Amino acid sequence: MHSLPILIRLAGRPVILLGDGGAADAKRRILTRAGARIVGEAADAALAIVAIAEDVEAEAAVVRLRARGILVNAVDRPALCDFTLPAIVERGAVLVAIGTGGASAGLAKALRQRLEAMLPADLGGLASALFAARAAIKARWPEGDDRRRAIDAALAPGAALDPLSAGAGARIPGWLAAEGRNAAVEPVAIRLRSSDPDDLTLREARWLGGADVVRHAADVPGAILARVRADADVAIGRAEDVACDGLVVDLRFAG
């Protein structure tokens, strides 16, 4: 990754904003939406945005701010940025951020527009309803791994809480009250057809994203392994050598 994506709570916190004109106005609007307190260069702050049009003046401001240990975003100057501001899709509690590391704001905007059309207006309601139901979900599935698998299954395409379907939050009580237990988790094998992660089927991508354990051949490329969830147990080897109650994926090339 070229950057570490993080979400920072700025409500009431100072952020330095330097510059005038359209670029500065746009950053002022987004900072105001986030609740930040916009201040001048002399103020104490951890973050700063430099939206100065003139190159020499902007570069000098960046040098001064960095000398104070302040992280800086320099508008339209990716080489001077310690952090970048992504394109944002907002659905209540759900924020989707699309960043290109400053490579192309146009590309980030195009992706945001696609996602805007895909994500239902009440998606934030699903997030809030899941938060409100945490105690009930934990009571239904006391074990952490069982709980995670149950939630993953409920959020899958076409399932009870499919986040791309409208009204999913209202279906949480029915999902919790449903009779029966989750089916036993069986190991799965993914046989790669190429080194391109875009060639994974939707089901294979979901398996990698939900796996507890992944065992793979030494020649499986990092681009494929990057699709595995961050806290999974991933190592070279064979799934048959793993004893695990969760989802185990065996990953290697076909043939």
C-alpha atoms as a PDB file:
ATOM      1  CA  MET A   1       0.000   0.000   0.000  1.00  0.00           C
ATOM      2  CA  HIS A   2       1.237   3.489  -0.790  1.00  0.00           C
ATOM      3  CA  SER A   3      -0.682   4.895   2.219  1.00  0.00           C
ATOM      4  CA  LEU A   4      -2.414   3.688   5.372  1.00  0.00           C
ATOM      5  CA  PRO A   5      -6.144   4.503   5.159  1.00  0.00           C
ATOM      6  CA  ILE A   6      -7.448   5.827   8.475  1.00  0.00           C
ATOM      7  CA  LEU A   7     -10.570   7.674   9.605  1.00  0.00           C
ATOM      8  CA  ILE A   8      -9.855  10.561  11.980  1.00  0.00           C
ATOM      9  CA  ARG A   9     -12.438  12.126  14.277  1.00  0.00           C
ATOM     10  CA  LEU A  10     -12.012  15.879  13.849  1.00  0.00           C
ATOM     11  CA  ALA A  11     -15.047  17.207  15.731  1.00  0.00           C
ATOM     12  CA  GLY A  12     -13.888  20.279  17.658  1.00  0.00           C
ATOM     13  CA  ARG A  13     -10.220  19.715  16.799  1.00  0.00           C
ATOM     14  CA  PRO A  14      -8.058  22.378  15.092  1.00  0.00           C
ATOM     15  CA  VAL A  15      -6.919  21.950  11.491  1.00  0.00           C
ATOM     16  CA  ILE A  16      -4.765  24.577   9.784  1.00  0.00           C
ATOM     17  CA  LEU A  17      -6.031  25.731   6.383  1.00  0.00           C
ATOM     18  CA  LEU A  18      -3.900  28.055   4.254  1.00  0.00           C
ATOM     19  CA  GLY A  19      -4.915  29.641   0.956  1.00  0.00           C
ATOM     20  CA  ASP A  20      -7.771  31.336  -0.834  1.00  0.00           C
ATOM     21  CA  GLY A  21      -9.961  30.600  -3.828  1.00  0.00           C
ATOM     22  CA  GLY A  22     -11.908  27.578  -4.990  1.00  0.00           C
ATOM     23  CA  ALA A  23      -9.484  24.899  -3.786  1.00  0.00           C
ATOM     24  CA  ALA A  24      -9.350  26.345  -0.276  1.00  0.00           C
ATOM     25  CA  ASP A  25     -13.129  26.785  -0.209  1.00  0.00           C
ATOM     26  CA  ALA A  26     -13.638  23.131  -1.151  1.00  0.00           C
ATOM     27  CA  LYS A  27     -11.342  21.968   1.664  1.00  0.00           C
ATOM     28  CA  ARG A  28     -13.061  24.344   4.095  1.00  0.00           C
ATOM     29  CA  ARG A  29     -16.427  22.765   3.266  1.00  0.00           C
ATOM     30  CA  ILE A  30     -15.203  19.209   3.818  1.00  0.00           C
ATOM     31  CA  LEU A  31     -13.468  20.128   7.090  1.00  0.00           C
ATOM     32  CA  THR A  32     -16.617  21.867   8.291  1.00  0.00           C
ATOM     33  CA  ARG A  33     -18.693  18.777   7.481  1.00  0.00           C
ATOM     34  CA  ALA A  34     -16.279  16.746   9.592  1.00  0.00           C
ATOM     35  CA  GLY A  35     -16.688  19.176  12.512  1.00  0.00           C
ATOM     36  CA  ALA A  36     -13.120  20.471  12.461  1.00  0.00           C
ATOM     37  CA  ARG A  37     -12.181  23.863  13.900  1.00  0.00           C
ATOM     38  CA  ILE A  38     -10.365  25.699  11.093  1.00  0.00           C
ATOM     39  CA  VAL A  39      -7.408  27.786  12.298  1.00  0.00           C
ATOM     40  CA  GLY A  40      -4.490  29.769  10.938  1.00  0.00           C
ATOM     41  CA  GLU A  41      -0.832  28.799  10.631  1.00  0.00           C
ATOM     42  CA  ALA A  42       0.219  30.025  14.084  1.00  0.00           C
ATOM     43  CA  ALA A  43      -2.250  27.755  15.904  1.00  0.00           C
ATOM     44  CA  ASP A  44      -1.403  24.413  17.460  1.00  0.00           C
ATOM     45  CA  ALA A  45      -2.698  21.560  15.280  1.00  0.00           C
ATOM     46  CA  ALA A  46      -1.767  18.072  14.146  1.00  0.00           C
ATOM     47  CA  LEU A  47      -2.988  18.461  10.544  1.00  0.00           C
ATOM     48  CA  ALA A  48      -2.738  21.184   7.935  1.00  0.00           C
ATOM     49  CA  ILE A  49      -4.015  21.714   4.415  1.00  0.00           C
ATOM     50  CA  VAL A  50      -2.094  24.042   2.116  1.00  0.00           C
ATOM     51  CA  ALA A  51      -4.260  25.329  -0.736  1.00  0.00           C
ATOM     52  CA  ILE A  52      -1.945  28.120  -1.898  1.00  0.00           C
ATOM     53  CA  ALA A  53      -1.837  28.592  -5.670  1.00  0.00           C
ATOM     54  CA  GLU A  54       1.725  29.923  -6.002  1.00  0.00           C
ATOM     55  CA  ASP A  55       4.296  27.107  -5.988  1.00  0.00           C
ATOM     56  CA  VAL A  56       7.146  28.766  -4.082  1.00  0.00           C
ATOM     57  CA  GLU A  57       4.828  30.104  -1.386  1.00  0.00           C
ATOM     58  CA  ALA A  58       3.073  26.739  -1.028  1.00  0.00           C
ATOM     59  CA  GLU A  59       6.350  24.825  -0.750  1.00  0.00           C
ATOM     60  CA  ALA A  60       7.652  27.253   1.877  1.00  0.00           C
ATOM     61  CA  ALA A  61       4.475  26.800   3.921  1.00  0.00           C
ATOM     62  CA  VAL A  62       4.815  23.027   3.753  1.00  0.00           C
ATOM     63  CA  VAL A  63       8.418  23.236   5.000  1.00  0.00           C
ATOM     64  CA  ARG A  64       7.423  25.463   7.918  1.00  0.00           C
ATOM     65  CA  LEU A  65       4.531  23.229   8.946  1.00  0.00           C
ATOM     66  CA  ARG A  66       6.524  20.006   8.689  1.00  0.00           C
ATOM     67  CA  ALA A  67       9.271  21.536  10.832  1.00  0.00           C
ATOM     68  CA  ARG A  68       6.664  21.748  13.601  1.00  0.00           C
ATOM     69  CA  GLY A  69       5.762  18.062  13.233  1.00  0.00           C
ATOM     70  CA  ILE A  70       2.449  18.791  11.486  1.00  0.00           C
ATOM     71  CA  LEU A  71       1.163  16.401   8.824  1.00  0.00           C
ATOM     72  CA  VAL A  72       0.420  18.303   5.631  1.00  0.00           C
ATOM     73  CA  ASN A  73      -1.826  17.956   2.601  1.00  0.00           C
ATOM     74  CA  ALA A  74      -0.689  20.222  -0.242  1.00  0.00           C
ATOM     75  CA  VAL A  75      -3.529  20.596  -2.743  1.00  0.00           C
ATOM     76  CA  ASP A  76      -2.577  19.399  -6.269  1.00  0.00           C
ATOM     77  CA  ARG A  77       0.991  18.673  -5.150  1.00  0.00           C
ATOM     78  CA  PRO A  78       1.111  14.933  -4.330  1.00  0.00           C
ATOM     79  CA  ALA A  79       4.887  14.916  -3.823  1.00  0.00           C
ATOM     80  CA  LEU A  80       4.482  17.352  -0.910  1.00  0.00           C
ATOM     81  CA  CYS A  81       1.636  15.491   0.795  1.00  0.00           C
ATOM     82  CA  ASP A  82       1.938  13.545   4.027  1.00  0.00           C
ATOM     83  CA  PHE A  83      -1.731  12.593   3.631  1.00  0.00           C
ATOM     84  CA  THR A  84      -4.341  12.889   0.900  1.00  0.00           C
ATOM     85  CA  LEU A  85      -8.082  13.509   1.072  1.00  0.00           C
ATOM     86  CA  PRO A  86     -10.132  10.797  -0.645  1.00  0.00           C
ATOM     87  CA  ALA A  87     -13.347  11.008  -2.605  1.00  0.00           C
ATOM     88  CA  ILE A  88     -16.124  10.170  -0.136  1.00  0.00           C
ATOM     89  CA  VAL A  89     -19.418   8.331  -0.300  1.00  0.00           C
ATOM     90  CA  GLU A  90     -21.430   9.026   2.856  1.00  0.00           C
ATOM     91  CA  ARG A  91     -24.371   6.965   4.073  1.00  0.00           C
ATOM     92  CA  GLY A  92     -24.878   7.953   7.695  1.00  0.00           C
ATOM     93  CA  ALA A  93     -22.468   5.921   9.802  1.00  0.00           C
ATOM     94  CA  VAL A  94     -20.969   4.365   6.650  1.00  0.00           C
ATOM     95  CA  LEU A  95     -18.148   6.252   4.963  1.00  0.00           C
ATOM     96  CA  VAL A  96     -16.513   4.872   1.830  1.00  0.00           C
ATOM     97  CA  ALA A  97     -13.250   6.593   0.919  1.00  0.00           C
ATOM     98  CA  ILE A  98     -11.611   6.247  -2.500  1.00  0.00           C
ATOM     99  CA  GLY A  99      -8.019   7.364  -2.780  1.00  0.00           C
ATOM    100  CA  THR A 100      -5.382   7.217  -5.497  1.00  0.00           C
ATOM    101  CA  GLY A 101      -2.499   8.666  -3.490  1.00  0.00           C
ATOM    102  CA  GLY A 102      -2.895  11.899  -5.434  1.00  0.00           C
ATOM    103  CA  ALA A 103      -2.411  10.154  -8.794  1.00  0.00           C
ATOM    104  CA  SER A 104      -5.830  11.075 -10.216  1.00  0.00           C
ATOM    105  CA  ALA A 105      -8.615  12.948  -8.485  1.00  0.00           C
ATOM    106  CA  GLY A 106     -10.721  12.355 -11.606  1.00  0.00           C
ATOM    107  CA  LEU A 107     -10.473   8.586 -11.233  1.00  0.00           C
ATOM    108  CA  ALA A 108     -11.425   8.782  -7.562  1.00  0.00           C
ATOM    109  CA  LYS A 109     -14.415  10.933  -8.494  1.00  0.00           C
ATOM    110  CA  ALA A 110     -15.552   8.494 -11.194  1.00  0.00           C
ATOM    111  CA  LEU A 111     -15.389   5.580  -8.758  1.00  0.00           C
ATOM    112  CA  ARG A 112     -17.307   7.599  -6.165  1.00  0.00           C
ATOM    113  CA  GLN A 113     -20.072   8.270  -8.658  1.00  0.00           C
ATOM    114  CA  ARG A 114     -20.358   4.555  -9.452  1.00  0.00           C
ATOM    115  CA  LEU A 115     -20.560   3.679  -5.767  1.00  0.00           C
ATOM    116  CA  GLU A 116     -23.125   6.413  -5.123  1.00  0.00           C
ATOM    117  CA  ALA A 117     -25.429   4.657  -7.568  1.00  0.00           C
ATOM    118  CA  MET A 118     -24.831   1.229  -6.000  1.00  0.00           C
ATOM    119  CA  LEU A 119     -25.216   1.913  -2.283  1.00  0.00           C
ATOM    120  CA  PRO A 120     -28.776   2.262  -0.920  1.00  0.00           C
ATOM    121  CA  ALA A 121     -29.712   5.472   0.838  1.00  0.00           C
ATOM    122  CA  ASP A 122     -30.473   3.650   4.105  1.00  0.00           C
ATOM    123  CA  LEU A 123     -27.139   1.796   4.301  1.00  0.00           C
ATOM    124  CA  GLY A 124     -26.146   3.904   7.309  1.00  0.00           C
ATOM    125  CA  GLY A 125     -29.286   2.644   9.041  1.00  0.00           C
ATOM    126  CA  LEU A 126     -28.012  -0.922   8.723  1.00  0.00           C
ATOM    127  CA  ALA A 127     -24.721   0.062  10.401  1.00  0.00           C
ATOM    128  CA  SER A 128     -26.573   1.802  13.231  1.00  0.00           C
ATOM    129  CA  ALA A 129     -28.958  -1.135  13.672  1.00  0.00           C
ATOM    130  CA  LEU A 130     -26.068  -3.611  13.845  1.00  0.00           C
ATOM    131  CA  PHE A 131     -24.420  -1.417  16.486  1.00  0.00           C
ATOM    132  CA  ALA A 132     -27.642  -1.286  18.512  1.00  0.00           C
ATOM    133  CA  ALA A 133     -28.010  -5.076  18.247  1.00  0.00           C
ATOM    134  CA  ARG A 134     -24.477  -5.917  19.449  1.00  0.00           C
ATOM    135  CA  ALA A 135     -25.624  -7.326  22.786  1.00  0.00           C
ATOM    136  CA  ALA A 136     -28.318  -9.468  21.162  1.00  0.00           C
ATOM    137  CA  ILE A 137     -25.898 -10.732  18.507  1.00  0.00           C
ATOM    138  CA  LYS A 138     -23.333 -11.630  21.172  1.00  0.00           C
ATOM    139  CA  ALA A 139     -25.995 -13.459  23.169  1.00  0.00           C
ATOM    140  CA  ARG A 140     -27.033 -15.458  20.110  1.00  0.00           C
ATOM    141  CA  TRP A 141     -23.441 -16.325  19.136  1.00  0.00           C
ATOM    142  CA  PRO A 142     -21.257 -16.116  22.281  1.00  0.00           C
ATOM    143  CA  GLU A 143     -18.119 -17.404  20.549  1.00  0.00           C
ATOM    144  CA  GLY A 144     -16.311 -14.758  18.537  1.00  0.00           C
ATOM    145  CA  ASP A 145     -15.581 -16.941  15.509  1.00  0.00           C
ATOM    146  CA  ASP A 146     -19.183 -18.180  15.346  1.00  0.00           C
ATOM    147  CA  ARG A 147     -20.415 -14.607  15.617  1.00  0.00           C
ATOM    148  CA  ARG A 148     -18.152 -13.356  12.832  1.00  0.00           C
ATOM    149  CA  ARG A 149     -19.172 -16.195  10.520  1.00  0.00           C
ATOM    150  CA  ALA A 150     -22.866 -15.600  11.233  1.00  0.00           C
ATOM    151  CA  ILE A 151     -22.533 -11.897  10.445  1.00  0.00           C
ATOM    152  CA  ASP A 152     -20.501 -12.602   7.302  1.00  0.00           C
ATOM    153  CA  ALA A 153     -23.144 -15.026   6.101  1.00  0.00           C
ATOM    154  CA  ALA A 154     -25.983 -12.591   6.821  1.00  0.00           C
ATOM    155  CA  LEU A 155     -24.231  -9.788   4.905  1.00  0.00           C
ATOM    156  CA  ALA A 156     -23.488 -11.931   1.842  1.00  0.00           C
ATOM    157  CA  PRO A 157     -25.166 -11.078  -1.492  1.00  0.00           C
ATOM    158  CA  GLY A 158     -28.819 -12.089  -1.388  1.00  0.00           C
ATOM    159  CA  ALA A 159     -28.696 -12.985   2.321  1.00  0.00           C
ATOM    160  CA  ALA A 160     -30.873 -11.558   5.092  1.00  0.00           C
ATOM    161  CA  LEU A 161     -28.788  -8.433   5.688  1.00  0.00           C
ATOM    162  CA  ASP A 162     -27.359  -7.908   2.193  1.00  0.00           C
ATOM    163  CA  PRO A 163     -26.040  -4.324   2.508  1.00  0.00           C
ATOM    164  CA  LEU A 164     -26.854  -3.556  -1.134  1.00  0.00           C
ATOM    165  CA  SER A 165     -30.550  -4.244  -0.577  1.00  0.00           C
ATOM    166  CA  ALA A 166     -32.830  -1.557   0.826  1.00  0.00           C
ATOM    167  CA  GLY A 167     -34.310  -2.047   4.296  1.00  0.00           C
ATOM    168  CA  ALA A 168     -31.659  -4.479   5.553  1.00  0.00           C
ATOM    169  CA  GLY A 169     -31.517  -2.853   8.990  1.00  0.00           C
ATOM    170  CA  ALA A 170     -35.195  -3.600   9.609  1.00  0.00           C
ATOM    171  CA  ARG A 171     -34.540  -7.302   9.007  1.00  0.00           C
ATOM    172  CA  ILE A 172     -32.106  -7.715  11.907  1.00  0.00           C
ATOM    173  CA  PRO A 173     -34.773  -8.846  14.453  1.00  0.00           C
ATOM    174  CA  GLY A 174     -35.988 -11.538  12.070  1.00  0.00           C
ATOM    175  CA  TRP A 175     -32.438 -12.684  11.384  1.00  0.00           C
ATOM    176  CA  LEU A 176     -31.721 -12.974  15.120  1.00  0.00           C
ATOM    177  CA  ALA A 177     -34.973 -14.857  15.740  1.00  0.00           C
ATOM    178  CA  ALA A 178     -34.489 -17.337  12.887  1.00  0.00           C
ATOM    179  CA  GLU A 179     -34.457 -20.967  13.981  1.00  0.00           C
ATOM    180  CA  GLY A 180     -31.614 -23.354  13.328  1.00  0.00           C
ATOM    181  CA  ARG A 181     -27.862 -23.295  13.624  1.00  0.00           C
ATOM    182  CA  ASN A 182     -25.256 -22.379  11.058  1.00  0.00           C
ATOM    183  CA  ALA A 183     -24.156 -25.261   8.902  1.00  0.00           C
ATOM    184  CA  ALA A 184     -20.760 -26.734   9.648  1.00  0.00           C
ATOM    185  CA  VAL A 185     -17.937 -24.960   7.880  1.00  0.00           C
ATOM    186  CA  GLU A 186     -16.280 -27.172   5.282  1.00  0.00           C
ATOM    187  CA  PRO A 187     -12.767 -26.537   3.901  1.00  0.00           C
ATOM    188  CA  VAL A 188     -12.750 -25.119   0.381  1.00  0.00           C
ATOM    189  CA  ALA A 189     -10.204 -25.320  -2.425  1.00  0.00           C
ATOM    190  CA  ILE A 190      -9.514 -22.483  -4.817  1.00  0.00           C
ATOM    191  CA  ARG A 191      -7.676 -23.442  -7.967  1.00  0.00           C
ATOM    192  CA  LEU A 192      -6.315 -20.306  -9.607  1.00  0.00           C
ATOM    193  CA  ARG A 193      -6.631 -19.875 -13.353  1.00  0.00           C
ATOM    194  CA  SER A 194      -4.207 -16.929 -13.530  1.00  0.00           C
ATOM    195  CA  SER A 195      -2.146 -14.549 -11.390  1.00  0.00           C
ATOM    196  CA  ASP A 196      -4.735 -11.789 -11.852  1.00  0.00           C
ATOM    197  CA  PRO A 197      -6.950 -11.279  -8.770  1.00  0.00           C
ATOM    198  CA  ASP A 198      -9.683  -9.940 -11.067  1.00  0.00           C
ATOM    199  CA  ASP A 199     -10.055 -13.462 -12.428  1.00  0.00           C
ATOM    200  CA  LEU A 200     -11.332 -14.687  -9.059  1.00  0.00           C
ATOM    201  CA  THR A 201     -15.034 -15.465  -9.074  1.00  0.00           C
ATOM    202  CA  LEU A 202     -17.270 -13.573  -6.657  1.00  0.00           C
ATOM    203  CA  ARG A 203     -17.579 -16.722  -4.531  1.00  0.00           C
ATOM    204  CA  GLU A 204     -13.801 -17.240  -4.448  1.00  0.00           C
ATOM    205  CA  ALA A 205     -13.265 -13.606  -3.439  1.00  0.00           C
ATOM    206  CA  ARG A 206     -15.795 -14.046  -0.603  1.00  0.00           C
ATOM    207  CA  TRP A 207     -14.031 -17.199   0.575  1.00  0.00           C
ATOM    208  CA  LEU A 208     -10.691 -15.376   0.726  1.00  0.00           C
ATOM    209  CA  GLY A 209     -12.260 -12.398   2.468  1.00  0.00           C
ATOM    210  CA  GLY A 210     -13.879 -14.614   5.124  1.00  0.00           C
ATOM    211  CA  ALA A 211     -11.253 -17.324   5.627  1.00  0.00           C
ATOM    212  CA  ASP A 212      -9.852 -18.027   9.091  1.00  0.00           C
ATOM    213  CA  VAL A 213      -6.925 -20.006   7.663  1.00  0.00           C
ATOM    214  CA  VAL A 214      -5.346 -19.939   4.202  1.00  0.00           C
ATOM    215  CA  ARG A 215      -2.729 -22.437   3.117  1.00  0.00           C
ATOM    216  CA  HIS A 216      -1.185 -21.819  -0.281  1.00  0.00           C
ATOM    217  CA  ALA A 217       1.489 -22.896  -2.733  1.00  0.00           C
ATOM    218  CA  ALA A 218       4.731 -20.930  -2.801  1.00  0.00           C
ATOM    219  CA  ASP A 219       4.004 -19.597  -6.294  1.00  0.00           C
ATOM    220  CA  VAL A 220       0.713 -17.885  -5.382  1.00  0.00           C
ATOM    221  CA  PRO A 221       1.346 -14.165  -6.014  1.00  0.00           C
ATOM    222  CA  GLY A 222       0.981 -11.457  -3.419  1.00  0.00           C
ATOM    223  CA  ALA A 223      -1.768  -9.771  -5.436  1.00  0.00           C
ATOM    224  CA  ILE A 224      -3.988 -12.804  -4.780  1.00  0.00           C
ATOM    225  CA  LEU A 225      -3.004 -13.107  -1.118  1.00  0.00           C
ATOM    226  CA  ALA A 226      -3.851  -9.422  -0.643  1.00  0.00           C
ATOM    227  CA  ARG A 227      -7.519 -10.435  -0.990  1.00  0.00           C
ATOM    228  CA  VAL A 228      -7.302 -12.497   2.233  1.00  0.00           C
ATOM    229  CA  ARG A 229      -8.630 -10.765   5.344  1.00  0.00           C
ATOM    230  CA  ALA A 230      -5.897  -9.077   7.343  1.00  0.00           C
ATOM    231  CA  ASP A 231      -6.162 -11.174  10.528  1.00  0.00           C
ATOM    232  CA  ALA A 232      -6.324 -14.605   8.863  1.00  0.00           C
ATOM    233  CA  ASP A 233      -3.675 -17.272   9.484  1.00  0.00           C
ATOM    234  CA  VAL A 234      -1.838 -17.349   6.126  1.00  0.00           C
ATOM    235  CA  ALA A 235       1.154 -19.570   5.350  1.00  0.00           C
ATOM    236  CA  ILE A 236       2.669 -21.822   2.729  1.00  0.00           C
ATOM    237  CA  GLY A 237       1.375 -25.366   3.134  1.00  0.00           C
ATOM    238  CA  ARG A 238      -1.715 -27.507   2.662  1.00  0.00           C
ATOM    239  CA  ALA A 239      -5.142 -27.089   4.189  1.00  0.00           C
ATOM    240  CA  GLU A 240      -5.304 -30.792   5.006  1.00  0.00           C
ATOM    241  CA  ASP A 241      -2.596 -30.248   7.624  1.00  0.00           C
ATOM    242  CA  VAL A 242      -4.688 -27.653   9.522  1.00  0.00           C
ATOM    243  CA  ALA A 243      -7.117 -28.430  12.347  1.00  0.00           C
ATOM    244  CA  CYS A 244      -9.562 -25.517  12.570  1.00  0.00           C
ATOM    245  CA  ASP A 245     -13.259 -25.048  13.286  1.00  0.00           C
ATOM    246  CA  GLY A 246     -13.420 -22.048  10.966  1.00  0.00           C
ATOM    247  CA  LEU A 247     -13.210 -21.606   7.222  1.00  0.00           C
ATOM    248  CA  VAL A 248     -10.012 -23.100   5.800  1.00  0.00           C
ATOM    249  CA  VAL A 249      -9.027 -22.318   2.214  1.00  0.00           C
ATOM    250  CA  ASP A 250      -6.507 -24.276   0.155  1.00  0.00           C
ATOM    251  CA  LEU A 251      -5.098 -21.954  -2.510  1.00  0.00           C
ATOM    252  CA  ARG A 252      -2.929 -22.962  -5.433  1.00  0.00           C
ATOM    253  CA  PHE A 253      -2.790 -22.926  -9.211  1.00  0.00           C
ATOM    254  CA  ALA A 254      -4.868 -25.417 -11.209  1.00  0.00           C
ATOM    255  CA  GLY A 255      -3.129 -28.352 -12.755  1.00  0.00           C
END
